[in-house]
C-alpha atoms as a PDB file:
ATOM      1  CA  MET A   1     -37.638  -9.669 -11.344  1.00  0.00           C
ATOM      2  CA  GLY A   2     -36.762 -11.680  -8.312  1.00  0.00           C
ATOM      3  CA  ARG A   3     -33.839 -13.012 -10.075  1.00  0.00           C
ATOM      4  CA  TRP A   4     -32.396  -9.713 -11.182  1.00  0.00           C
ATOM      5  CA  LEU A   5     -32.921  -8.240  -7.892  1.00  0.00           C
ATOM      6  CA  ARG A   6     -31.028 -11.228  -6.181  1.00  0.00           C
ATOM      7  CA  ASP A   7     -28.258 -10.959  -8.572  1.00  0.00           C
ATOM      8  CA  GLY A   8     -27.817  -7.108  -8.465  1.00  0.00           C
ATOM      9  CA  SER A   9     -27.820  -7.108  -4.584  1.00  0.00           C
ATOM     10  CA  GLY A  10     -25.411  -9.952  -4.569  1.00  0.00           C
ATOM     11  CA  ALA A  11     -23.126  -8.040  -6.966  1.00  0.00           C
ATOM     12  CA  LEU A  12     -23.461  -4.846  -4.812  1.00  0.00           C
ATOM     13  CA  LEU A  13     -22.436  -6.815  -1.719  1.00  0.00           C
ATOM     14  CA  LEU A  14     -19.553  -8.266  -3.469  1.00  0.00           C
ATOM     15  CA  VAL A  15     -18.152  -4.759  -4.522  1.00  0.00           C
ATOM     16  CA  ALA A  16     -18.745  -3.494  -0.996  1.00  0.00           C
ATOM     17  CA  ALA A  17     -16.976  -6.206   0.570  1.00  0.00           C
ATOM     18  CA  LEU A  18     -13.785  -5.614  -1.528  1.00  0.00           C
ATOM     19  CA  CYS A  19     -14.000  -1.915  -0.920  1.00  0.00           C
ATOM     20  CA  VAL A  20     -14.180  -2.793   2.923  1.00  0.00           C
ATOM     21  CA  LEU A  21     -11.373  -5.304   2.548  1.00  0.00           C
ATOM     22  CA  PHE A  22      -9.287  -2.534   0.694  1.00  0.00           C
ATOM     23  CA  TYR A  23     -10.023  -0.006   3.413  1.00  0.00           C
ATOM     24  CA  ALA A  24      -8.751  -2.569   6.106  1.00  0.00           C
ATOM     25  CA  VAL A  25      -5.658  -2.993   4.384  1.00  0.00           C
ATOM     26  CA  MET A  26      -5.121   0.834   4.214  1.00  0.00           C
ATOM     27  CA  ARG A  27      -5.858   1.026   8.041  1.00  0.00           C
ATOM     28  CA  LEU A  28      -3.272  -1.867   8.551  1.00  0.00           C
ATOM     29  CA  ARG A  29      -0.793   0.417   6.849  1.00  0.00           C
ATOM     30  CA  GLY A  30      -1.371   2.915   9.543  1.00  0.00           C
ATOM     31  CA  HIS A  31      -0.883   0.438  12.338  1.00  0.00           C
ATOM     32  CA  ASP A  32      -4.439   0.682  13.639  1.00  0.00           C
ATOM     33  CA  TYR A  33      -4.859  -3.092  14.255  1.00  0.00           C
ATOM     34  CA  LEU A  34      -8.219  -3.050  16.134  1.00  0.00           C
ATOM     35  CA  ALA A  35      -9.790  -1.261  13.215  1.00  0.00           C
ATOM     36  CA  CYS A  36      -8.210  -3.627  10.595  1.00  0.00           C
ATOM     37  CA  ILE A  37      -9.941  -6.632  12.630  1.00  0.00           C
ATOM     38  CA  ILE A  38     -13.187  -5.083  12.585  1.00  0.00           C
ATOM     39  CA  LEU A  39     -13.053  -4.049   9.055  1.00  0.00           C
ATOM     40  CA  THR A  40     -11.645  -7.500   7.967  1.00  0.00           C
ATOM     41  CA  SER A  41     -14.356  -9.323   9.776  1.00  0.00           C
ATOM     42  CA  SER A  42     -17.269  -7.107   8.355  1.00  0.00           C
ATOM     43  CA  GLY A  43     -15.790  -7.471   4.807  1.00  0.00           C
ATOM     44  CA  LEU A  44     -15.426 -11.130   5.030  1.00  0.00           C
ATOM     45  CA  SER A  45     -19.128 -11.096   6.347  1.00  0.00           C
ATOM     46  CA  LEU A  46     -20.332  -9.066   3.382  1.00  0.00           C
ATOM     47  CA  LEU A  47     -18.362 -11.323   1.016  1.00  0.00           C
ATOM     48  CA  ARG A  48     -20.118 -14.476   2.347  1.00  0.00           C
ATOM     49  CA  ALA A  49     -23.509 -12.852   1.988  1.00  0.00           C
ATOM     50  CA  GLY A  50     -22.919 -11.749  -1.536  1.00  0.00           C
ATOM     51  CA  VAL A  51     -21.605 -15.269  -2.510  1.00  0.00           C
ATOM     52  CA  GLU A  52     -24.796 -16.792  -1.054  1.00  0.00           C
ATOM     53  CA  LEU A  53     -27.018 -14.514  -2.986  1.00  0.00           C
ATOM     54  CA  LEU A  54     -25.110 -15.361  -6.349  1.00  0.00           C
ATOM     55  CA  ARG A  55     -24.748 -18.895  -5.743  1.00  0.00           C
ATOM     56  CA  PRO A  56     -28.080 -20.076  -7.613  1.00  0.00           C
ATOM     57  CA  THR A  57     -27.059 -17.881 -10.593  1.00  0.00           C
ATOM     58  CA  VAL A  58     -23.468 -19.246 -10.984  1.00  0.00           C
ATOM     59  CA  GLY A  59     -24.236 -22.477 -10.015  1.00  0.00           C
ATOM     60  CA  GLU A  60     -22.099 -24.816  -7.886  1.00  0.00           C
END
């Protein structure tokens, strides 16, 4: 069960990171640069966390 939980949470973090990065691009369209910087940094952090959780499964 530990592997499924780790894989599921890693995949969930990857999807959340992509959604946050997409929202950052939408904020950039509105010329809200500070919000875009904050959203991009949090999206990249989520992406890194998701990749770290999926690393043992995918292999490297």
